[in-house]
Amino acid sequence: MHQQIRMLFNDTLLHQCAVRFGFDPNDLTNLHGFQNFVYASSRGGKPYILRVIHSSHRSAGQVQAELDWLRYLTEHGVNAAVPVRTPDGELIVTIGSGDCCFIASAFARAPGSKPDHRSYTEDGELIRELGRLTGKIHALSRSYTVPKSAPVRGSWQNNQYVTQLHEYVPESYASILPPVERFVSLLSGLPRCPDSYGLIHGDIHMNNFHVDGGMLTLFDFDECEYSWFACDIANPLFYATPLPSDGTDRRHFVAQRFYDAFMEGYCTEHTLSPQWLQRLPHFLRLRELLVLSGAFRSLDLDHLHPWSKEMIAFTCRNLEYDLPYLDIRFC
């Protein structure tokens, strides 16, 4: 999130958003969202999440399109955080007008808690269930029809991390821009067929689902977009893969173990042809770009966390020399 947006948001706006959804403004816990303002609250003794988005990030129409799809998924058996309405029956609340407003929505809080990193990368049952949940979303996405006269969610090409990457890249990293342009051109030429392309979650990883017993509940659909289903496979794999400094052998072992378990679960709900699985290195590269763009936009490059510092260097090297993020067996 841009610092300017943080400066625009204040307690008065937060109070208005909370009251509209029937939440007590004095009973809000800041969850420190990366892209949006996110708070835990309650209503009628039940736990909820209040999310506030600035219009420079998503329009009201885009938020509505997200919630329409999310409601469709939950109504068809997907374990995900259900959107909730205001006491007046509204799914979204807009505070302000024009190009500078805040858009609030609320969700049932997912039961359980986030998995720890070891469970995320080593627990075969959890990984298989995450794959199954992802496959179910993709199977339903194939049959989803946008409600008549309703807004339509954007595609990966509209993702601000793609469209504005050249603005975020510091001059000292300008050498990555030509290979980025070539790569985006390559992706733009890939087929977009209903069995492999549709609405995806767009940000599946260990911080975006809760585990309660053996049940997983997915949340944070803010990055949902029209893209290749393989992106939703590449993304959780990306975050499960150790950094290069952990050693090539361990990196490949952990990634292969995660991928095999994930796909075992995925294929119980949906299948992708081998040609799309063979293209997973492309979608891992896309995730590299999105993470790199977000880092350049939001992080202080002079005071980086060791993970971010290594990831930036690794991604830039991969781009400049056309090296794959990961070299394992995909099919």
Protein backbone atom coordinates (compact mmCIF):
# COMPACT_ATOMS: atom_id res chain seq x y z
CA MET A 1 0.00 0.00 0.00
CA HIS A 2 1.23 3.46 -0.85
CA GLN A 3 2.12 5.62 2.14
CA GLN A 4 -0.13 8.37 0.77
CA ILE A 5 -3.14 6.07 1.12
CA ARG A 6 -2.26 5.26 4.72
CA MET A 7 -2.19 8.98 5.43
CA LEU A 8 -5.69 9.46 3.97
CA PHE A 9 -7.28 6.85 6.21
CA ASN A 10 -8.22 7.96 9.72
CA ASP A 11 -10.24 6.97 12.77
CA THR A 12 -13.32 8.85 11.57
CA LEU A 13 -13.45 6.85 8.32
CA LEU A 14 -12.83 3.60 10.19
CA HIS A 15 -15.63 4.45 12.63
CA GLN A 16 -18.06 5.05 9.74
CA CYS A 17 -17.15 1.75 8.08
CA ALA A 18 -17.51 -0.21 11.32
CA VAL A 19 -20.86 1.31 12.24
CA ARG A 20 -22.32 0.63 8.79
CA PHE A 21 -21.60 -3.08 9.24
CA GLY A 22 -22.93 -3.10 12.79
CA PHE A 23 -19.51 -3.47 14.41
CA ASP A 24 -18.50 -1.69 17.59
CA PRO A 25 -15.79 0.86 16.59
CA ASN A 26 -14.16 0.26 19.99
CA ASP A 27 -13.92 -3.46 19.31
CA LEU A 28 -11.59 -3.49 16.31
CA THR A 29 -8.22 -5.23 16.17
CA ASN A 30 -5.85 -4.03 13.45
CA LEU A 31 -4.54 -7.04 11.52
CA HIS A 32 -2.08 -4.85 9.56
CA GLY A 33 -3.03 -5.81 6.01
CA PHE A 34 -0.38 -5.39 3.31
CA GLN A 35 -2.66 -4.08 0.55
CA ASN A 36 -5.71 -2.97 2.53
CA PHE A 37 -6.89 -1.93 5.98
CA VAL A 38 -8.03 -5.11 7.73
CA TYR A 39 -9.60 -5.44 11.19
CA ALA A 40 -11.04 -8.22 13.32
CA SER A 41 -14.36 -7.49 15.02
CA SER A 42 -17.57 -9.18 16.10
CA ARG A 43 -21.32 -8.85 15.74
CA GLY A 44 -23.92 -10.75 17.69
CA GLY A 45 -21.19 -12.76 19.38
CA LYS A 46 -19.74 -14.01 16.08
CA PRO A 47 -16.25 -13.12 14.75
CA TYR A 48 -15.91 -11.12 11.53
CA ILE A 49 -13.31 -9.37 9.41
CA LEU A 50 -13.72 -5.79 8.20
CA ARG A 51 -11.73 -4.89 5.09
CA VAL A 52 -11.38 -1.36 3.74
CA ILE A 53 -9.94 -0.74 0.27
CA HIS A 54 -8.95 2.56 -1.31
CA SER A 55 -10.40 3.23 -4.76
CA SER A 56 -6.92 3.59 -6.26
CA HIS A 57 -6.46 -0.14 -5.54
CA ARG A 58 -9.91 -1.48 -6.48
CA SER A 59 -13.07 0.18 -7.70
CA ALA A 60 -16.42 -0.55 -6.09
CA GLY A 61 -17.30 -2.54 -9.21
CA GLN A 62 -14.19 -4.69 -8.86
CA VAL A 63 -14.99 -5.39 -5.22
CA GLN A 64 -18.56 -6.27 -6.17
CA ALA A 65 -17.27 -8.69 -8.82
CA GLU A 66 -15.01 -10.33 -6.24
CA LEU A 67 -17.87 -10.78 -3.76
CA ASP A 68 -20.25 -12.11 -6.44
CA TRP A 69 -17.75 -14.83 -7.35
CA LEU A 70 -16.91 -15.59 -3.74
CA ARG A 71 -20.59 -16.00 -2.88
CA TYR A 72 -20.98 -18.36 -5.84
CA LEU A 73 -18.05 -20.47 -4.63
CA THR A 74 -19.26 -20.71 -1.04
CA GLU A 75 -22.81 -21.51 -2.16
CA HIS A 76 -21.35 -24.44 -4.13
CA GLY A 77 -19.36 -25.98 -1.32
CA VAL A 78 -16.02 -24.16 -1.27
CA ASN A 79 -14.69 -23.55 2.24
CA ALA A 80 -13.99 -19.82 2.09
CA ALA A 81 -14.68 -16.77 4.25
CA VAL A 82 -18.28 -15.82 3.39
CA PRO A 83 -19.09 -12.17 2.61
CA VAL A 84 -21.61 -10.68 5.04
CA ARG A 85 -24.07 -7.85 4.59
CA THR A 86 -24.69 -4.70 6.57
CA PRO A 87 -27.85 -4.57 8.71
CA ASP A 88 -29.33 -2.69 5.72
CA GLY A 89 -28.56 -5.58 3.38
CA GLU A 90 -25.55 -4.10 1.54
CA LEU A 91 -22.44 -6.11 0.65
CA ILE A 92 -20.23 -3.06 0.18
CA VAL A 93 -20.14 0.39 1.76
CA THR A 94 -18.52 3.34 0.01
CA ILE A 95 -17.23 6.28 2.04
CA GLY A 96 -16.37 9.33 -0.08
CA SER A 97 -16.88 9.80 -3.79
CA GLY A 98 -15.13 10.04 -7.13
CA ASP A 99 -11.54 8.91 -7.51
CA CYS A 100 -10.78 9.10 -3.79
CA CYS A 101 -13.05 6.93 -1.70
CA PHE A 102 -12.85 3.93 0.57
CA ILE A 103 -14.78 0.73 -0.06
CA ALA A 104 -15.61 -1.46 2.93
CA SER A 105 -16.73 -5.08 2.98
CA ALA A 106 -16.94 -7.71 5.68
CA PHE A 107 -16.50 -11.47 5.95
CA ALA A 108 -17.12 -14.24 8.42
CA ARG A 109 -13.83 -14.92 10.17
CA ALA A 110 -12.34 -18.26 9.10
CA PRO A 111 -12.32 -20.80 11.94
CA GLY A 112 -8.99 -22.05 13.26
CA SER A 113 -5.64 -20.40 12.65
CA LYS A 114 -2.91 -20.05 10.04
CA PRO A 115 -0.58 -23.03 9.66
CA ASP A 116 3.04 -22.70 10.68
CA HIS A 117 5.67 -22.88 7.96
CA ARG A 118 6.68 -26.45 8.75
CA SER A 119 3.09 -27.69 8.47
CA TYR A 120 2.60 -25.75 5.23
CA THR A 121 5.64 -27.33 3.60
CA GLU A 122 5.68 -30.82 5.19
CA ASP A 123 2.18 -31.89 6.25
CA GLY A 124 1.04 -34.07 3.37
CA GLU A 125 -2.63 -34.15 4.43
CA LEU A 126 -2.77 -30.37 4.71
CA ILE A 127 -1.06 -29.90 1.34
CA ARG A 128 -3.37 -32.39 -0.36
CA GLU A 129 -6.40 -30.63 1.10
CA LEU A 130 -5.09 -27.28 -0.12
CA GLY A 131 -4.70 -28.80 -3.58
CA ARG A 132 -8.21 -30.25 -3.43
CA LEU A 133 -9.67 -26.89 -2.40
CA THR A 134 -7.84 -25.18 -5.27
CA GLY A 135 -9.05 -27.80 -7.75
CA LYS A 136 -12.65 -27.34 -6.58
CA ILE A 137 -12.39 -23.58 -7.12
CA HIS A 138 -11.13 -24.11 -10.66
CA ALA A 139 -13.84 -26.66 -11.47
CA LEU A 140 -16.49 -24.18 -10.33
CA SER A 141 -14.78 -21.30 -12.12
CA ARG A 142 -15.33 -23.12 -15.40
CA SER A 143 -19.09 -23.01 -14.88
CA TYR A 144 -19.30 -19.53 -13.36
CA THR A 145 -21.31 -16.90 -15.22
CA VAL A 146 -21.13 -13.26 -14.20
CA PRO A 147 -24.58 -12.07 -13.05
CA LYS A 148 -26.47 -10.07 -15.64
CA SER A 149 -25.43 -6.38 -15.73
CA ALA A 150 -22.90 -7.02 -12.94
CA PRO A 151 -19.29 -5.76 -13.08
CA VAL A 152 -16.59 -8.10 -14.38
CA ARG A 153 -13.31 -8.76 -12.60
CA GLY A 154 -10.09 -7.80 -14.43
CA SER A 155 -7.46 -10.09 -15.93
CA TRP A 156 -3.81 -10.70 -15.05
CA GLN A 157 -2.87 -8.08 -17.65
CA ASN A 158 -4.72 -5.45 -15.58
CA ASN A 159 -2.85 -6.40 -12.41
CA GLN A 160 -1.16 -3.23 -11.18
CA TYR A 161 1.98 -5.18 -10.34
CA VAL A 162 2.24 -5.96 -14.05
CA THR A 163 1.04 -2.68 -15.51
CA GLN A 164 3.06 -0.45 -13.16
CA LEU A 165 6.19 -2.52 -12.73
CA HIS A 166 8.20 -0.16 -14.91
CA GLU A 167 7.24 2.69 -12.56
CA TYR A 168 8.29 0.78 -9.46
CA VAL A 169 11.65 -0.47 -10.73
CA PRO A 170 14.55 1.73 -9.48
CA GLU A 171 16.96 3.01 -12.11
CA SER A 172 19.70 0.73 -10.76
CA TYR A 173 17.57 -2.28 -11.74
CA ALA A 174 16.53 -1.02 -15.17
CA SER A 175 18.34 -3.90 -16.91
CA ILE A 176 15.47 -6.25 -15.99
CA LEU A 177 12.87 -4.28 -17.95
CA PRO A 178 13.62 -5.67 -21.46
CA PRO A 179 13.40 -9.33 -20.33
CA VAL A 180 10.23 -8.48 -18.38
CA GLU A 181 8.65 -7.04 -21.53
CA ARG A 182 9.61 -10.13 -23.52
CA PHE A 183 8.16 -12.40 -20.88
CA VAL A 184 4.86 -10.52 -20.64
CA SER A 185 4.62 -10.69 -24.43
CA LEU A 186 5.18 -14.46 -24.28
CA LEU A 187 2.40 -14.88 -21.70
CA SER A 188 0.05 -12.70 -23.74
CA GLY A 189 0.33 -15.18 -26.59
CA LEU A 190 -0.71 -18.24 -24.58
CA PRO A 191 -4.13 -19.83 -25.27
CA ARG A 192 -7.06 -18.87 -23.04
CA CYS A 193 -9.44 -21.81 -23.08
CA PRO A 194 -12.26 -22.50 -20.56
CA ASP A 195 -10.58 -25.69 -19.35
CA SER A 196 -7.39 -23.84 -18.37
CA TYR A 197 -8.27 -20.16 -17.97
CA GLY A 198 -10.84 -18.41 -15.78
CA LEU A 199 -11.28 -16.68 -12.44
CA ILE A 200 -8.60 -17.71 -9.94
CA HIS A 201 -7.88 -16.83 -6.32
CA GLY A 202 -4.54 -15.32 -7.33
CA ASP A 203 -2.81 -15.35 -3.92
CA ILE A 204 -2.94 -18.78 -2.31
CA HIS A 205 -0.30 -19.27 0.39
CA MET A 206 -0.01 -20.07 4.08
CA ASN A 207 -1.14 -16.62 5.25
CA ASN A 208 -4.42 -16.78 3.33
CA PHE A 209 -6.11 -19.80 4.85
CA HIS A 210 -6.91 -21.14 8.30
CA VAL A 211 -6.78 -24.73 9.51
CA ASP A 212 -9.37 -26.02 11.96
CA GLY A 213 -8.88 -29.72 12.62
CA GLY A 214 -8.66 -31.15 9.12
CA MET A 215 -10.70 -28.36 7.50
CA LEU A 216 -9.12 -25.53 5.52
CA THR A 217 -10.89 -22.22 4.97
CA LEU A 218 -9.52 -19.90 2.32
CA PHE A 219 -9.79 -16.13 2.51
CA ASP A 220 -8.45 -12.87 1.02
CA PHE A 221 -9.76 -13.05 -2.54
CA ASP A 222 -8.62 -9.46 -3.17
CA GLU A 223 -6.21 -10.61 -5.90
CA CYS A 224 -8.77 -12.73 -7.78
CA GLU A 225 -8.54 -12.22 -11.51
CA TYR A 226 -8.97 -13.91 -14.87
CA SER A 227 -5.83 -15.91 -15.49
CA TRP A 228 -4.57 -19.42 -16.11
CA PHE A 229 -5.52 -21.99 -13.49
CA ALA A 230 -1.88 -23.03 -13.38
CA CYS A 231 -1.11 -19.72 -11.63
CA ASP A 232 -3.00 -20.95 -8.57
CA ILE A 233 -0.73 -24.00 -8.54
CA ALA A 234 2.48 -22.04 -9.07
CA ASN A 235 1.72 -19.54 -6.31
CA PRO A 236 1.53 -21.88 -3.27
CA LEU A 237 4.48 -23.85 -4.69
CA PHE A 238 6.51 -20.64 -4.95
CA TYR A 239 6.07 -19.88 -1.24
CA ALA A 240 6.73 -23.48 -0.18
CA THR A 241 10.08 -23.56 -1.99
CA PRO A 242 13.15 -22.75 0.14
CA LEU A 243 15.48 -19.95 -0.86
CA PRO A 244 18.59 -20.81 -2.94
CA SER A 245 20.77 -20.29 0.13
CA ASP A 246 19.20 -23.42 1.65
CA GLY A 247 20.92 -25.49 -1.04
CA THR A 248 19.77 -26.83 -4.40
CA ASP A 249 19.14 -30.40 -3.21
CA ARG A 250 16.94 -29.35 -0.31
CA ARG A 251 15.18 -26.77 -2.43
CA HIS A 252 14.24 -29.34 -5.07
CA PHE A 253 13.31 -32.00 -2.51
CA VAL A 254 10.92 -29.74 -0.58
CA ALA A 255 9.38 -28.30 -3.74
CA GLN A 256 8.84 -31.72 -5.35
CA ARG A 257 7.29 -33.14 -2.18
CA PHE A 258 4.92 -30.17 -1.91
CA TYR A 259 4.00 -30.24 -5.59
CA ASP A 260 3.27 -33.98 -5.66
CA ALA A 261 1.01 -33.81 -2.59
CA PHE A 262 -0.75 -30.66 -3.83
CA MET A 263 -1.47 -32.19 -7.24
CA GLU A 264 -2.70 -35.42 -5.67
CA GLY A 265 -5.41 -33.40 -3.97
CA TYR A 266 -5.98 -31.08 -6.92
CA CYS A 267 -6.68 -33.89 -9.36
CA THR A 268 -9.54 -35.22 -7.23
CA GLU A 269 -11.50 -32.09 -8.21
CA HIS A 270 -10.00 -30.82 -11.47
CA THR A 271 -7.43 -31.78 -14.06
CA LEU A 272 -5.10 -29.78 -16.26
CA SER A 273 -3.53 -31.21 -19.39
CA PRO A 274 0.21 -32.02 -19.33
CA GLN A 275 0.91 -29.07 -21.64
CA TRP A 276 -0.24 -26.67 -18.91
CA LEU A 277 1.71 -28.44 -16.20
CA GLN A 278 4.80 -28.21 -18.41
CA ARG A 279 4.24 -24.45 -18.53
CA LEU A 280 4.38 -24.07 -14.76
CA PRO A 281 7.87 -22.50 -15.00
CA HIS A 282 6.17 -19.60 -16.86
CA PHE A 283 3.70 -19.08 -14.05
CA LEU A 284 6.38 -19.33 -11.40
CA ARG A 285 8.17 -16.59 -13.33
CA LEU A 286 4.98 -14.52 -13.26
CA ARG A 287 4.83 -14.92 -9.48
CA GLU A 288 8.46 -13.80 -9.28
CA LEU A 289 7.53 -10.65 -11.19
CA LEU A 290 4.54 -9.89 -8.98
CA VAL A 291 6.58 -10.32 -5.79
CA LEU A 292 9.42 -8.23 -7.22
CA SER A 293 7.03 -5.47 -8.27
CA GLY A 294 5.45 -5.41 -4.81
CA ALA A 295 8.87 -5.27 -3.17
CA PHE A 296 10.00 -2.35 -5.32
CA ARG A 297 6.75 -0.51 -4.63
CA SER A 298 6.47 -1.00 -0.90
CA LEU A 299 9.81 -1.94 0.69
CA ASP A 300 12.76 0.18 1.77
CA LEU A 301 15.54 -1.29 -0.35
CA ASP A 302 18.16 -0.02 2.08
CA HIS A 303 16.64 -1.94 5.00
CA LEU A 304 15.43 -5.24 3.57
CA HIS A 305 14.53 -8.40 5.44
CA PRO A 306 17.05 -11.15 4.49
CA TRP A 307 14.32 -13.12 2.65
CA SER A 308 13.36 -10.10 0.55
CA LYS A 309 16.98 -9.21 -0.16
CA GLU A 310 17.80 -12.70 -1.41
CA MET A 311 14.57 -12.99 -3.39
CA ILE A 312 15.13 -9.70 -5.20
CA ALA A 313 18.68 -10.66 -6.16
CA PHE A 314 17.60 -14.16 -7.22
CA THR A 315 14.67 -12.94 -9.30
CA CYS A 316 16.72 -10.27 -11.08
CA ARG A 317 19.38 -12.83 -11.93
CA ASN A 318 16.74 -15.24 -13.25
CA LEU A 319 15.27 -12.51 -15.43
CA GLU A 320 18.55 -11.27 -16.85
CA TYR A 321 19.85 -14.77 -17.68
CA ASP A 322 16.48 -16.41 -18.44
CA LEU A 323 16.87 -18.98 -15.65
CA PRO A 324 13.92 -20.93 -14.20
CA TYR A 325 12.77 -20.30 -10.65
CA LEU A 326 12.57 -24.02 -10.07
CA ASP A 327 13.64 -27.14 -12.00
CA ILE A 328 11.56 -30.11 -10.83
CA ARG A 329 9.31 -32.73 -12.47
CA PHE A 330 5.92 -31.16 -13.22
CA CYS A 331 4.30 -34.02 -15.11
